[in-house]
Each structure stands twice: as C-alpha cells, then as structure tokens.
Amino acid sequence: MNPPTGPGGVSGVGVGPHPEPWPDDPRLDPDLLAAGDRRNVADRYRYWRVEAIVADLDTRRHPFHVAIENWEHDLNIGTVVRNANAFLAAAVHIVGRRRWNRRGAMVTDRYQHVHHHATVDDLLAWAAGESLVIVGIDNLPGAVPIDDADLPERCVLLFGQEGPGLSPAAREAASLVCSIPQYGSTRSINAGVASGIAMHAWVRTHAAPPPAD
C-alpha cells in the first residue's frame, strides 16, 4: 500500500509544507506548516502541535489504565506505551525503576500520560483511590483465558517482567488474572505483545469504533 500524498503534493511518510495561505487554526504548528509534517500521527492530526493532539486525545481516552513492572529495565516498556497510545489508554503506570528504554515507544510517549510508582503497593493505593480493579495478565495456573474473561470497564491491566512475569506482590494484588491462549511450543509471549492483545480485548468489549481518519 502506497503512503498518501499530502496537501503539499509530497509522497512518502507524512506530508510536505502546507500550501499558503495557511489555515487560521491555533492548533497548528507554524514550523510544521512551513517544513512539512513527517511524524507518525493519524492524518487528522497533521500539522497539529503536540499539546493540541494530547488535549484532543484527552477528550476521548478510555477508562482503562496499563501498568508494567520494571525491576530489571524491561525493554518491552516502550512497546507497551506505544500500544497504550494506539488503544487510547487513560495512562501507563511504570512500577519499580523510574528509568525505562523509550526507543520502542517510537515517540508515542509524547502523546501518552506516563506515571511512576515505586512499588506495587503504591500502585494499589492509587488504583483504590480511583476505584480501579487490578487485572493481572499472565499465564498462571487458574488464570481465566482472556477471551472468556469479563474485563471490567474501569481497570488497570497489569503486566510483569519478561521471563518471570508478574511478581508475587502483583499476583496477590490482582482481583482477576487473565491468560492469553497459546498454541505453539513457547511458554510465554513478551509483555509488549501481550499488552496489545489484552488492550484489544478490552476495546472489543467496551469501546466504540475509532474515529474516521
């Protein structure tokens, strides 16, 4: 599939400079209008300022949150953030180490609210104050297959580290643990992939169709 051609007649990723006279719209960034907009954003947000995009997303965010444990500098966190942006999660919560590798986020962290909690207990206290249910995602004994689960509308989808999965504290904190059915030889899939599957399961249950681009 060929990339669309923008108002400036330039093909490829994004669009070129906007033809003059420029629209009189405070959401638009003069630098992008002049130089073109090569960002990985939906067409409806072409030439918009980052702050304007975030403000518009904030009017439509879904009431589920995503949390991931970060005890060993998990490289999947960037992918989790990118998926959270794609499925319009209310926010991403990183539990444990504050620093994380942003490379996999592909700059989507600019458009996604990201919060830090030092411990699982801190996350639990925050979630309780917001009346959010903790839903663990891990292939543990007794876990409910996510296709059969009744995912709460207001919840936190909690993911563990690559390898060990959810920590013991996170397992105890979860009101519900969902597994992702697998058919091959591997025991698990990484948190980045799992997060996309889990968020899509929530969207299929609770969300309206996305806006047309």
Protein backbone atom coordinates (compact mmCIF):
# COMPACT_ATOMS: atom_id res chain seq x y z
CA MET A 1 0.00 0.00 0.00
CA ASN A 2 1.46 3.36 -1.02
CA PRO A 3 1.66 6.18 1.55
CA PRO A 4 -0.81 9.00 0.98
CA THR A 5 0.16 12.19 -0.74
CA GLY A 6 -0.26 15.27 1.42
CA PRO A 7 -1.54 18.78 0.66
CA GLY A 8 1.92 19.80 -0.47
CA GLY A 9 1.95 17.11 -3.15
CA VAL A 10 4.78 15.21 -1.46
CA SER A 11 4.54 11.44 -1.26
CA GLY A 12 6.18 9.28 1.38
CA VAL A 13 5.84 9.34 5.14
CA GLY A 14 3.72 12.27 6.29
CA VAL A 15 3.10 15.42 4.28
CA GLY A 16 5.17 18.26 2.91
CA PRO A 17 4.82 22.01 3.53
CA HIS A 18 1.23 23.24 3.64
CA PRO A 19 0.16 25.44 0.71
CA GLU A 20 -0.25 29.10 1.58
CA PRO A 21 -2.25 30.87 2.80
CA TRP A 22 -2.12 28.77 5.96
CA PRO A 23 -5.32 27.94 7.87
CA ASP A 24 -6.10 30.19 10.82
CA ASP A 25 -6.16 27.49 13.48
CA PRO A 26 -4.34 27.80 16.84
CA ARG A 27 -3.90 24.01 16.97
CA LEU A 28 -1.50 24.13 14.03
CA ASP A 29 2.27 24.42 14.40
CA PRO A 30 3.81 27.11 12.14
CA ASP A 31 7.08 25.17 11.91
CA LEU A 32 5.28 22.07 10.66
CA LEU A 33 3.19 24.10 8.22
CA ALA A 34 6.38 25.54 6.77
CA ALA A 35 8.56 22.42 6.72
CA GLY A 36 6.06 19.58 6.47
CA ASP A 37 4.90 17.01 8.98
CA ARG A 38 6.75 13.67 8.86
CA ARG A 39 5.56 12.41 12.25
CA ASN A 40 3.85 9.05 12.72
CA VAL A 41 0.45 10.56 13.52
CA ALA A 42 -3.04 9.99 12.16
CA ASP A 43 -3.90 12.19 9.18
CA ARG A 44 -6.45 14.17 11.21
CA TYR A 45 -3.55 15.43 13.36
CA ARG A 46 -1.30 16.58 10.54
CA TYR A 47 0.42 19.89 11.35
CA TRP A 48 -1.07 19.95 14.87
CA ARG A 49 1.02 20.96 17.86
CA VAL A 50 1.85 18.11 20.25
CA GLU A 51 -0.06 19.87 23.05
CA ALA A 52 -3.15 20.17 20.83
CA ILE A 53 -3.04 16.47 19.94
CA VAL A 54 -2.77 15.49 23.62
CA ALA A 55 -5.67 17.79 24.52
CA ASP A 56 -7.85 16.22 21.84
CA LEU A 57 -6.92 12.68 22.91
CA ASP A 58 -7.76 13.60 26.50
CA THR A 59 -11.38 14.19 25.47
CA ARG A 60 -11.67 10.58 24.23
CA ARG A 61 -9.39 8.43 26.39
CA HIS A 62 -10.75 5.11 27.56
CA PRO A 63 -11.21 4.43 31.30
CA PHE A 64 -8.68 1.58 31.45
CA HIS A 65 -5.07 2.02 32.53
CA VAL A 66 -1.98 -0.07 31.82
CA ALA A 67 0.75 -0.88 34.34
CA ILE A 68 4.02 -2.75 33.88
CA GLU A 69 6.61 -3.82 36.43
CA ASN A 70 10.11 -2.52 35.75
CA TRP A 71 12.51 -4.25 38.11
CA GLU A 72 15.13 -5.22 35.50
CA HIS A 73 14.89 -2.44 32.90
CA ASP A 74 12.43 -4.36 30.74
CA LEU A 75 12.92 -3.47 27.06
CA ASN A 76 9.22 -4.14 26.37
CA ILE A 77 8.04 -1.00 28.14
CA GLY A 78 8.38 1.15 25.04
CA THR A 79 6.13 -1.22 23.11
CA VAL A 80 3.59 -1.20 25.95
CA VAL A 81 3.50 2.61 25.80
CA ARG A 82 3.10 2.55 22.03
CA ASN A 83 0.22 0.07 22.31
CA ALA A 84 -1.40 2.18 25.03
CA ASN A 85 -1.36 5.12 22.66
CA ALA A 86 -2.84 3.04 19.84
CA PHE A 87 -5.71 1.80 22.01
CA LEU A 88 -6.07 5.15 23.82
CA ALA A 89 -5.49 4.00 27.40
CA ALA A 90 -6.05 6.63 30.06
CA ALA A 91 -2.42 6.30 31.19
CA VAL A 92 0.56 3.99 31.54
CA HIS A 93 1.97 3.28 35.01
CA ILE A 94 5.53 2.05 35.45
CA VAL A 95 6.13 0.21 38.71
CA GLY A 96 9.68 -0.08 40.05
CA ARG A 97 12.61 1.60 38.34
CA ARG A 98 11.80 5.08 37.10
CA ARG A 99 14.07 4.90 34.05
CA TRP A 100 12.94 2.91 31.04
CA ASN A 101 14.03 2.48 27.43
CA ARG A 102 11.93 4.85 25.33
CA ARG A 103 13.18 3.60 21.99
CA GLY A 104 10.35 1.14 21.46
CA ALA A 105 7.75 3.82 22.16
CA MET A 106 8.57 5.48 18.83
CA VAL A 107 7.89 8.92 20.33
CA THR A 108 4.32 7.99 21.34
CA ASP A 109 5.21 8.80 24.96
CA ARG A 110 4.80 12.46 23.94
CA TYR A 111 1.08 11.80 23.47
CA GLN A 112 0.54 9.33 26.31
CA HIS A 113 0.32 10.08 30.04
CA VAL A 114 3.02 8.04 31.81
CA HIS A 115 3.22 7.82 35.63
CA HIS A 116 5.67 6.15 38.01
CA HIS A 117 5.03 4.16 41.21
CA ALA A 118 7.97 2.97 43.30
CA THR A 119 6.22 -0.21 44.49
CA VAL A 120 3.21 -2.37 43.73
CA ASP A 121 1.69 -1.13 46.99
CA ASP A 122 1.94 2.43 45.71
CA LEU A 123 0.11 1.43 42.54
CA LEU A 124 -2.56 -0.33 44.59
CA ALA A 125 -3.13 2.70 46.80
CA TRP A 126 -3.53 4.93 43.75
CA ALA A 127 -5.86 2.45 42.00
CA ALA A 128 -8.04 2.09 45.10
CA GLY A 129 -8.45 5.85 45.24
CA GLU A 130 -9.62 5.82 41.63
CA SER A 131 -11.92 2.79 42.10
CA LEU A 132 -9.98 0.79 39.52
CA VAL A 133 -9.82 -3.02 39.52
CA ILE A 134 -6.38 -4.62 39.09
CA VAL A 135 -6.36 -7.22 36.30
CA GLY A 136 -3.15 -9.21 36.02
CA ILE A 137 -2.11 -10.57 32.63
CA ASP A 138 -0.02 -13.75 32.94
CA ASN A 139 -0.24 -17.42 32.03
CA LEU A 140 -0.57 -18.63 35.60
CA PRO A 141 -2.36 -21.74 36.91
CA GLY A 142 -6.02 -20.87 37.39
CA ALA A 143 -5.91 -17.80 35.17
CA VAL A 144 -9.01 -17.08 33.10
CA PRO A 145 -8.46 -17.12 29.31
CA ILE A 146 -8.79 -13.50 28.28
CA ASP A 147 -11.29 -14.36 25.53
CA ASP A 148 -13.63 -15.70 28.22
CA ALA A 149 -12.95 -13.04 30.85
CA ASP A 150 -15.40 -10.33 31.84
CA LEU A 151 -12.93 -7.43 31.79
CA PRO A 152 -14.05 -4.52 34.00
CA GLU A 153 -14.57 -1.23 32.21
CA ARG A 154 -12.60 0.67 34.86
CA CYS A 155 -9.46 -1.33 35.44
CA VAL A 156 -5.67 -1.46 35.40
CA LEU A 157 -4.19 -4.11 33.11
CA LEU A 158 -1.01 -5.14 34.96
CA PHE A 159 1.92 -6.84 33.23
CA GLY A 160 5.06 -8.37 34.69
CA GLN A 161 8.65 -8.59 33.52
CA GLU A 162 9.81 -10.52 30.52
CA GLY A 163 10.63 -14.02 31.80
CA PRO A 164 9.41 -14.14 35.41
CA GLY A 165 6.05 -12.50 34.64
CA LEU A 166 4.06 -10.90 37.43
CA SER A 167 5.88 -10.55 40.73
CA PRO A 168 4.36 -12.32 43.79
CA ALA A 169 3.14 -8.94 45.09
CA ALA A 170 1.42 -8.19 41.79
CA ARG A 171 -0.23 -11.62 41.71
CA GLU A 172 -1.67 -11.09 45.16
CA ALA A 173 -2.87 -7.62 44.22
CA ALA A 174 -4.85 -8.73 41.17
CA SER A 175 -8.58 -9.23 41.59
CA LEU A 176 -8.53 -11.17 38.33
CA VAL A 177 -5.68 -12.81 36.38
CA CYS A 178 -6.16 -13.43 32.66
CA SER A 179 -4.08 -15.68 30.44
CA ILE A 180 -3.53 -15.41 26.68
CA PRO A 181 -4.11 -18.79 24.99
CA GLN A 182 -1.09 -20.01 23.02
CA TYR A 183 -0.72 -22.87 20.57
CA GLY A 184 3.00 -23.29 19.92
CA SER A 185 5.99 -24.59 21.84
CA THR A 186 6.96 -21.41 23.70
CA ARG A 187 5.83 -20.96 27.27
CA SER A 188 5.06 -17.26 27.04
CA ILE A 189 4.98 -14.18 24.86
CA ASN A 190 6.67 -10.92 25.77
CA ALA A 191 4.89 -8.16 27.63
CA GLY A 192 4.85 -5.88 24.59
CA VAL A 193 2.88 -8.39 22.52
CA ALA A 194 0.70 -9.42 25.47
CA SER A 195 -0.23 -5.81 26.17
CA GLY A 196 -1.52 -5.29 22.64
CA ILE A 197 -3.66 -8.44 22.83
CA ALA A 198 -5.06 -7.51 26.25
CA MET A 199 -5.85 -3.92 25.29
CA HIS A 200 -7.56 -5.08 22.11
CA ALA A 201 -9.67 -7.49 24.20
CA TRP A 202 -10.75 -4.55 26.38
CA VAL A 203 -11.52 -2.41 23.31
CA ARG A 204 -13.60 -5.16 21.71
CA THR A 205 -15.71 -5.32 24.86
CA HIS A 206 -16.11 -1.68 25.83
CA ALA A 207 -15.09 0.76 23.08
CA ALA A 208 -16.95 2.32 20.18
CA PRO A 209 -15.37 2.20 16.69
CA PRO A 210 -12.43 4.59 16.29
CA PRO A 211 -12.96 7.95 14.57
CA ALA A 212 -12.53 8.05 10.81
CA ASP A 213 -9.22 9.45 9.65
